[in-house]
Structures are given as structure tokens and as C-alpha cells.
């Protein structure tokens, strides 16, 4: 596609090429030395040909996802802990600011998927509830 662009009164004709969309990437890649194994058996390992991306969650109402990418600076939730709506679960740091992640539902914490110092991505499941 050709475009005409004017800069400081001078007209330039440029060719613009539409790039292919980037391939999907995994939603979370832990920093070196911070890989965590799941606490419970998750079944057989995925085959090398399996596609990237997070495992589907059975009930979206029973998880708390990260609203942004950042680094975990504090973890307040513990497995087995009873929580109420708006209880503090995790504190993330991003761009020198802290973001407090609170419980969206009342219930019992079944799993915490991030620890202090872990890098997390937007949309990553941080805490699961029973």
C-alpha cells in the first residue's frame, strides 16, 4: 500500500506493508530460577506438540486473575484460608507502584499459584478457590 506523508511541508511517498499477526505466546513464562511445580499431580506431562497457553479453568468464578503484569511483592493468601470479598490476596509491584489484589468472592483458598518475586502476566490465575 502506498501512502503520502507530509513532514514540514515536504511530501514523501512511502510503501507500507501489512505485517502478519504475531504467533500466540504462552501467557506466563517464569523468570530464570523461578519455575514452580504444581502442588498436586496434574496428570501426564504435555506432549511436545501441544499448543502453548494456560490450561483451561473449570469455573472462572472460582479464580482470581492478575489485572496486570508485574512482580509479586507480598502473598497474603494461604491454601485452606477462609476469605471474604475484598480480603487482600496478593500485592503486585509494577512500574514502582503497588497494586493490591483482593478476593472477588468469599470462600476458601484452594491454591496460590504465585510466590514472592515471581513475575506474573495479565490474566494469569493467581489464586484458586474451593
N, C-alpha and C. Protein backbone atom coordinates (compact mmCIF):
# COMPACT_ATOMS: atom_id res chain seq x y z
N UNK A 1 0.86 -1.15 0.00
CA UNK A 1 0.00 0.00 0.00
C UNK A 1 0.92 1.23 0.00
N UNK A 2 0.59 2.21 -0.79
CA UNK A 2 1.36 3.45 -0.85
C UNK A 2 0.63 4.54 -0.09
N UNK A 3 1.40 5.32 0.66
CA UNK A 3 0.85 6.44 1.41
C UNK A 3 1.67 7.69 1.10
N UNK A 4 1.01 8.83 1.16
CA UNK A 4 1.70 10.11 1.03
C UNK A 4 1.72 10.75 2.41
N UNK A 5 2.91 11.10 2.87
CA UNK A 5 3.07 11.69 4.19
C UNK A 5 3.74 13.04 4.02
N UNK A 6 3.21 14.05 4.70
CA UNK A 6 3.78 15.40 4.65
C UNK A 6 4.48 15.69 5.96
N UNK A 7 5.77 16.05 5.89
CA UNK A 7 6.57 16.40 7.05
C UNK A 7 7.21 17.75 6.78
N UNK A 8 6.88 18.73 7.60
CA UNK A 8 7.42 20.09 7.45
C UNK A 8 7.22 20.62 6.03
N UNK A 9 6.06 20.37 5.47
CA UNK A 9 5.74 20.90 4.14
C UNK A 9 6.29 20.06 2.99
N UNK A 10 7.09 19.04 3.27
CA UNK A 10 7.63 18.18 2.22
C UNK A 10 6.79 16.92 2.14
N UNK A 11 6.44 16.51 0.92
CA UNK A 11 5.61 15.32 0.70
C UNK A 11 6.51 14.13 0.39
N UNK A 12 6.27 13.04 1.12
CA UNK A 12 7.01 11.79 0.90
C UNK A 12 6.01 10.72 0.52
N UNK A 13 6.37 9.91 -0.47
CA UNK A 13 5.55 8.77 -0.83
C UNK A 13 6.24 7.53 -0.29
N UNK A 14 5.51 6.76 0.53
CA UNK A 14 6.11 5.58 1.16
C UNK A 14 5.27 4.35 0.87
N UNK A 15 5.95 3.22 0.80
CA UNK A 15 5.27 1.93 0.67
C UNK A 15 5.13 1.34 2.06
N UNK A 16 3.91 0.89 2.40
CA UNK A 16 3.65 0.30 3.71
C UNK A 16 3.20 -1.13 3.49
N UNK A 17 3.76 -2.02 4.27
CA UNK A 17 3.45 -3.44 4.16
C UNK A 17 2.72 -3.87 5.42
N UNK A 18 1.63 -4.62 5.28
CA UNK A 18 0.88 -5.11 6.43
C UNK A 18 1.57 -6.37 6.92
N UNK A 19 1.97 -6.35 8.18
CA UNK A 19 2.69 -7.49 8.77
C UNK A 19 1.69 -8.54 9.22
N UNK A 20 2.14 -9.77 9.25
CA UNK A 20 1.33 -10.86 9.78
C UNK A 20 1.20 -10.69 11.28
N UNK A 21 0.07 -11.08 11.87
CA UNK A 21 -0.03 -11.01 13.33
C UNK A 21 0.99 -11.95 13.96
N UNK A 22 1.50 -11.56 15.13
CA UNK A 22 2.49 -12.38 15.81
C UNK A 22 1.83 -13.66 16.30
N UNK A 23 2.59 -14.77 16.30
CA UNK A 23 2.01 -16.02 16.81
C UNK A 23 1.70 -15.89 18.29
N UNK A 24 0.74 -16.69 18.76
CA UNK A 24 0.38 -16.66 20.17
C UNK A 24 1.55 -17.10 21.01
N UNK A 25 1.72 -16.45 22.15
CA UNK A 25 2.78 -16.80 23.08
C UNK A 25 2.15 -17.30 24.36
N UNK A 26 2.89 -18.09 25.14
CA UNK A 26 2.34 -18.51 26.43
C UNK A 26 2.01 -17.28 27.27
N UNK A 27 0.94 -17.38 28.07
CA UNK A 27 0.55 -16.22 28.87
C UNK A 27 1.49 -15.98 30.04
N UNK A 28 2.30 -16.99 30.40
CA UNK A 28 3.22 -16.80 31.51
C UNK A 28 4.48 -17.61 31.28
N UNK A 29 5.61 -16.96 31.35
CA UNK A 29 6.90 -17.62 31.29
C UNK A 29 7.67 -17.15 32.52
N UNK A 30 7.95 -18.06 33.48
CA UNK A 30 8.61 -17.62 34.70
C UNK A 30 10.03 -17.16 34.43
N UNK A 31 10.51 -16.18 35.21
CA UNK A 31 11.89 -15.76 35.05
C UNK A 31 12.82 -16.91 35.41
N UNK A 32 14.02 -16.89 34.92
CA UNK A 32 15.00 -17.93 35.18
C UNK A 32 15.16 -18.16 36.68
N UNK A 33 15.09 -19.43 37.09
CA UNK A 33 15.26 -19.76 38.50
C UNK A 33 14.00 -19.63 39.32
N UNK A 34 12.86 -19.26 38.73
CA UNK A 34 11.62 -19.09 39.48
C UNK A 34 10.52 -20.06 39.06
N UNK A 35 10.87 -21.12 38.34
CA UNK A 35 9.85 -22.07 37.90
C UNK A 35 9.28 -22.79 39.12
N UNK A 36 7.97 -22.97 39.13
CA UNK A 36 7.31 -23.66 40.24
C UNK A 36 6.58 -24.87 39.69
N UNK A 37 6.63 -25.95 40.44
CA UNK A 37 5.89 -27.15 40.08
C UNK A 37 4.55 -27.10 40.80
N UNK A 38 3.49 -27.61 40.17
CA UNK A 38 2.20 -27.61 40.84
C UNK A 38 2.25 -28.47 42.11
N UNK A 39 1.48 -28.08 43.13
CA UNK A 39 1.46 -28.79 44.40
C UNK A 39 0.77 -30.14 44.27
N UNK A 40 -0.22 -30.26 43.39
CA UNK A 40 -0.93 -31.52 43.22
C UNK A 40 -0.59 -32.10 41.85
N UNK A 41 -0.69 -33.42 41.72
CA UNK A 41 -0.37 -34.01 40.41
C UNK A 41 -1.33 -33.50 39.36
N UNK A 42 -0.79 -33.15 38.23
CA UNK A 42 -1.60 -32.58 37.15
C UNK A 42 -1.78 -33.56 36.01
N UNK A 43 -1.43 -34.83 36.22
CA UNK A 43 -1.55 -35.80 35.16
C UNK A 43 -0.25 -35.90 34.39
N UNK A 44 -0.28 -36.59 33.25
CA UNK A 44 0.94 -36.76 32.48
C UNK A 44 1.41 -35.45 31.88
N UNK A 45 2.73 -35.32 31.65
CA UNK A 45 3.23 -34.08 31.05
C UNK A 45 2.68 -33.90 29.65
N UNK A 46 2.58 -32.66 29.23
CA UNK A 46 2.06 -32.34 27.90
C UNK A 46 3.04 -32.82 26.85
N UNK A 47 2.52 -33.24 25.71
CA UNK A 47 3.38 -33.69 24.63
C UNK A 47 4.03 -32.48 23.98
N UNK A 48 5.23 -32.66 23.37
CA UNK A 48 5.93 -31.53 22.77
C UNK A 48 5.10 -30.81 21.71
N UNK A 49 4.16 -31.48 21.07
CA UNK A 49 3.34 -30.86 20.03
C UNK A 49 2.15 -30.09 20.56
N UNK A 50 1.96 -30.14 21.89
CA UNK A 50 0.80 -29.44 22.46
C UNK A 50 0.96 -27.94 22.29
N UNK A 51 -0.14 -27.24 22.08
CA UNK A 51 -0.10 -25.81 21.87
C UNK A 51 0.20 -25.05 23.14
N UNK A 52 0.74 -23.82 23.01
CA UNK A 52 1.03 -23.02 24.18
C UNK A 52 -0.23 -22.46 24.80
N UNK A 53 -0.09 -21.91 25.99
CA UNK A 53 -1.22 -21.24 26.63
C UNK A 53 -1.58 -21.92 27.93
N UNK A 54 -2.33 -21.22 28.77
CA UNK A 54 -2.68 -21.76 30.06
C UNK A 54 -3.74 -22.84 29.95
N UNK A 55 -3.75 -23.73 30.93
CA UNK A 55 -4.77 -24.77 30.96
C UNK A 55 -6.11 -24.13 31.25
N UNK A 56 -7.17 -24.64 30.64
CA UNK A 56 -8.48 -24.05 30.90
C UNK A 56 -8.89 -24.24 32.35
N UNK A 57 -9.61 -23.29 32.89
CA UNK A 57 -10.08 -23.34 34.26
C UNK A 57 -11.53 -23.80 34.23
N UNK A 58 -11.87 -24.76 35.11
CA UNK A 58 -13.21 -25.33 35.11
C UNK A 58 -14.28 -24.29 35.43
N UNK A 59 -14.05 -23.45 36.45
CA UNK A 59 -15.04 -22.48 36.86
C UNK A 59 -14.37 -21.13 37.07
N UNK A 60 -14.57 -20.22 36.13
CA UNK A 60 -13.95 -18.90 36.17
C UNK A 60 -14.33 -18.12 37.43
N UNK A 61 -15.48 -18.43 38.05
CA UNK A 61 -15.93 -17.72 39.25
C UNK A 61 -15.11 -18.14 40.47
N UNK A 62 -14.29 -19.19 40.33
CA UNK A 62 -13.52 -19.68 41.47
C UNK A 62 -12.03 -19.39 41.32
N UNK A 63 -11.69 -18.37 40.54
CA UNK A 63 -10.29 -17.98 40.39
C UNK A 63 -10.15 -16.47 40.50
N UNK A 64 -8.95 -16.03 40.83
CA UNK A 64 -8.62 -14.62 40.83
C UNK A 64 -7.45 -14.45 39.87
N UNK A 65 -7.65 -13.64 38.83
CA UNK A 65 -6.62 -13.43 37.81
C UNK A 65 -5.92 -12.10 38.04
N UNK A 66 -4.69 -12.02 37.55
CA UNK A 66 -3.93 -10.78 37.66
C UNK A 66 -4.48 -9.75 36.69
N UNK A 67 -4.75 -8.53 37.17
CA UNK A 67 -5.27 -7.49 36.28
C UNK A 67 -4.17 -6.85 35.43
N UNK A 68 -2.90 -7.13 35.78
CA UNK A 68 -1.78 -6.51 35.05
C UNK A 68 -0.53 -7.36 35.21
N UNK A 69 0.47 -7.07 34.39
CA UNK A 69 1.76 -7.75 34.50
C UNK A 69 2.56 -7.06 35.60
N UNK A 70 3.28 -7.84 36.39
CA UNK A 70 4.08 -7.27 37.45
C UNK A 70 4.85 -8.34 38.19
N UNK A 71 5.39 -7.96 39.33
CA UNK A 71 6.16 -8.87 40.18
C UNK A 71 5.45 -8.96 41.53
N UNK A 72 5.30 -10.18 42.04
CA UNK A 72 4.64 -10.39 43.32
C UNK A 72 5.55 -9.87 44.43
N UNK A 73 5.05 -8.91 45.22
CA UNK A 73 5.85 -8.38 46.33
C UNK A 73 5.38 -8.91 47.68
N UNK A 74 4.13 -9.39 47.75
CA UNK A 74 3.61 -9.94 49.01
C UNK A 74 2.51 -10.94 48.69
N UNK A 75 2.44 -12.03 49.45
CA UNK A 75 1.37 -13.02 49.32
C UNK A 75 0.71 -13.13 50.68
N UNK A 76 -0.57 -12.79 50.74
CA UNK A 76 -1.32 -12.84 52.00
C UNK A 76 -2.18 -14.11 52.08
N UNK A 77 -2.58 -14.67 50.95
CA UNK A 77 -3.47 -15.83 50.93
C UNK A 77 -2.67 -17.11 51.16
N UNK A 78 -3.27 -18.06 51.85
CA UNK A 78 -2.66 -19.37 52.10
C UNK A 78 -3.71 -20.44 51.79
N UNK A 79 -3.31 -21.58 51.23
CA UNK A 79 -4.26 -22.67 51.00
C UNK A 79 -4.97 -23.05 52.30
N UNK A 80 -6.29 -23.24 52.20
CA UNK A 80 -7.09 -23.59 53.37
C UNK A 80 -7.63 -22.39 54.13
N UNK A 81 -7.17 -21.20 53.79
CA UNK A 81 -7.61 -19.97 54.47
C UNK A 81 -9.01 -19.58 54.02
N UNK A 82 -9.88 -19.27 54.99
CA UNK A 82 -11.22 -18.76 54.67
C UNK A 82 -11.08 -17.27 54.37
N UNK A 83 -11.68 -16.83 53.28
CA UNK A 83 -11.58 -15.42 52.89
C UNK A 83 -12.95 -14.84 52.63
N UNK A 84 -13.03 -13.52 52.75
CA UNK A 84 -14.26 -12.79 52.44
C UNK A 84 -13.99 -11.91 51.22
N UNK A 85 -15.04 -11.41 50.62
CA UNK A 85 -14.89 -10.49 49.50
C UNK A 85 -14.04 -9.30 49.95
N UNK A 86 -13.11 -8.89 49.12
CA UNK A 86 -12.20 -7.76 49.33
C UNK A 86 -11.07 -8.02 50.32
N UNK A 87 -10.90 -9.26 50.81
CA UNK A 87 -9.72 -9.57 51.61
C UNK A 87 -8.50 -9.51 50.69
N UNK A 88 -7.37 -9.05 51.21
CA UNK A 88 -6.14 -8.95 50.40
C UNK A 88 -5.59 -10.35 50.16
N UNK A 89 -5.33 -10.65 48.88
CA UNK A 89 -4.77 -11.94 48.50
C UNK A 89 -3.28 -11.81 48.18
N UNK A 90 -2.96 -10.88 47.27
CA UNK A 90 -1.60 -10.72 46.76
C UNK A 90 -1.36 -9.24 46.48
N UNK A 91 -0.12 -8.80 46.63
CA UNK A 91 0.26 -7.44 46.26
C UNK A 91 1.28 -7.55 45.14
N UNK A 92 0.99 -6.87 44.02
CA UNK A 92 1.89 -6.85 42.87
C UNK A 92 2.60 -5.51 42.79
N UNK A 93 3.82 -5.52 42.27
CA UNK A 93 4.53 -4.29 42.00
C UNK A 93 4.75 -4.20 40.50
N UNK A 94 4.39 -3.05 39.94
CA UNK A 94 4.60 -2.80 38.52
C UNK A 94 4.88 -1.31 38.36
N UNK A 95 5.95 -0.99 37.68
CA UNK A 95 6.32 0.40 37.43
C UNK A 95 6.43 1.19 38.74
N UNK A 96 7.05 0.59 39.74
CA UNK A 96 7.30 1.23 41.04
C UNK A 96 6.02 1.56 41.81
N UNK A 97 4.92 0.92 41.44
CA UNK A 97 3.64 1.12 42.15
C UNK A 97 3.13 -0.23 42.62
N UNK A 98 2.50 -0.25 43.79
CA UNK A 98 1.90 -1.48 44.28
C UNK A 98 0.43 -1.54 43.92
N UNK A 99 -0.01 -2.73 43.53
CA UNK A 99 -1.42 -2.98 43.24
C UNK A 99 -1.88 -4.10 44.16
N UNK A 100 -2.89 -3.82 44.96
CA UNK A 100 -3.42 -4.81 45.89
C UNK A 100 -4.51 -5.61 45.18
N UNK A 101 -4.32 -6.93 45.16
CA UNK A 101 -5.29 -7.84 44.54
C UNK A 101 -6.15 -8.39 45.66
N UNK A 102 -7.46 -8.16 45.56
CA UNK A 102 -8.37 -8.60 46.62
C UNK A 102 -9.28 -9.72 46.12
N UNK A 103 -9.87 -10.42 47.06
CA UNK A 103 -10.74 -11.55 46.75
C UNK A 103 -12.03 -11.07 46.07
N UNK A 104 -12.34 -11.64 44.90
CA UNK A 104 -13.59 -11.27 44.22
C UNK A 104 -14.80 -11.99 44.80
N UNK A 105 -14.56 -13.10 45.53
CA UNK A 105 -15.64 -13.89 46.12
C UNK A 105 -15.24 -14.34 47.52
N UNK A 106 -16.22 -14.73 48.32
CA UNK A 106 -15.95 -15.33 49.62
C UNK A 106 -15.79 -16.82 49.42
N UNK A 107 -14.96 -17.44 50.24
CA UNK A 107 -14.76 -18.88 50.11
C UNK A 107 -13.51 -19.32 50.84
N UNK A 108 -12.93 -20.42 50.36
CA UNK A 108 -11.71 -20.97 50.94
C UNK A 108 -10.67 -21.06 49.83
N UNK A 109 -9.45 -20.62 50.13
CA UNK A 109 -8.36 -20.67 49.16
C UNK A 109 -7.94 -22.12 48.97
N UNK A 110 -7.95 -22.61 47.73
CA UNK A 110 -7.50 -23.98 47.48
C UNK A 110 -6.07 -24.02 46.96
N UNK A 111 -5.65 -22.98 46.24
CA UNK A 111 -4.29 -22.98 45.69
C UNK A 111 -3.84 -21.55 45.44
N UNK A 112 -2.57 -21.27 45.74
CA UNK A 112 -1.94 -19.99 45.42
C UNK A 112 -0.89 -20.31 44.35
N UNK A 113 -1.02 -19.69 43.18
CA UNK A 113 -0.17 -20.03 42.03
C UNK A 113 1.01 -19.08 41.82
N UNK A 114 1.31 -18.22 42.77
CA UNK A 114 2.43 -17.29 42.63
C UNK A 114 3.05 -17.06 43.99
N UNK A 115 4.37 -16.83 43.98
CA UNK A 115 5.09 -16.56 45.22
C UNK A 115 5.84 -15.24 45.12
N UNK A 116 6.35 -14.78 46.24
CA UNK A 116 7.09 -13.53 46.28
C UNK A 116 8.26 -13.59 45.29
N UNK A 117 8.37 -12.55 44.47
CA UNK A 117 9.44 -12.47 43.48
C UNK A 117 9.07 -13.02 42.12
N UNK A 118 7.95 -13.71 42.02
CA UNK A 118 7.52 -14.26 40.72
C UNK A 118 7.02 -13.15 39.81
N UNK A 119 7.34 -13.24 38.55
CA UNK A 119 6.76 -12.35 37.55
C UNK A 119 5.45 -12.94 37.08
N UNK A 120 4.41 -12.13 36.98
CA UNK A 120 3.11 -12.62 36.51
C UNK A 120 2.65 -11.77 35.33
N UNK A 121 1.83 -12.36 34.50
CA UNK A 121 1.30 -11.68 33.33
C UNK A 121 -0.17 -11.34 33.54
N UNK A 122 -0.65 -10.39 32.79
CA UNK A 122 -2.06 -10.02 32.86
C UNK A 122 -2.90 -11.23 32.50
N UNK A 123 -3.91 -11.51 33.30
CA UNK A 123 -4.82 -12.62 33.04
C UNK A 123 -4.38 -13.95 33.65
N UNK A 124 -3.18 -14.00 34.20
CA UNK A 124 -2.69 -15.23 34.81
C UNK A 124 -3.48 -15.53 36.09
N UNK A 125 -3.84 -16.79 36.31
CA UNK A 125 -4.56 -17.18 37.54
C UNK A 125 -3.58 -17.11 38.70
N UNK A 126 -3.89 -16.28 39.69
CA UNK A 126 -3.05 -16.13 40.87
C UNK A 126 -3.50 -17.00 42.01
N UNK A 127 -4.84 -17.03 42.25
CA UNK A 127 -5.39 -17.77 43.38
C UNK A 127 -6.62 -18.52 42.90
N UNK A 128 -6.78 -19.76 43.39
CA UNK A 128 -7.95 -20.58 43.10
C UNK A 128 -8.72 -20.82 44.40
N UNK A 129 -10.04 -20.89 44.29
CA UNK A 129 -10.92 -21.06 45.45
C UNK A 129 -11.68 -22.37 45.35
N UNK A 130 -12.09 -22.90 46.52
CA UNK A 130 -12.92 -24.12 46.56
C UNK A 130 -14.36 -23.75 46.32
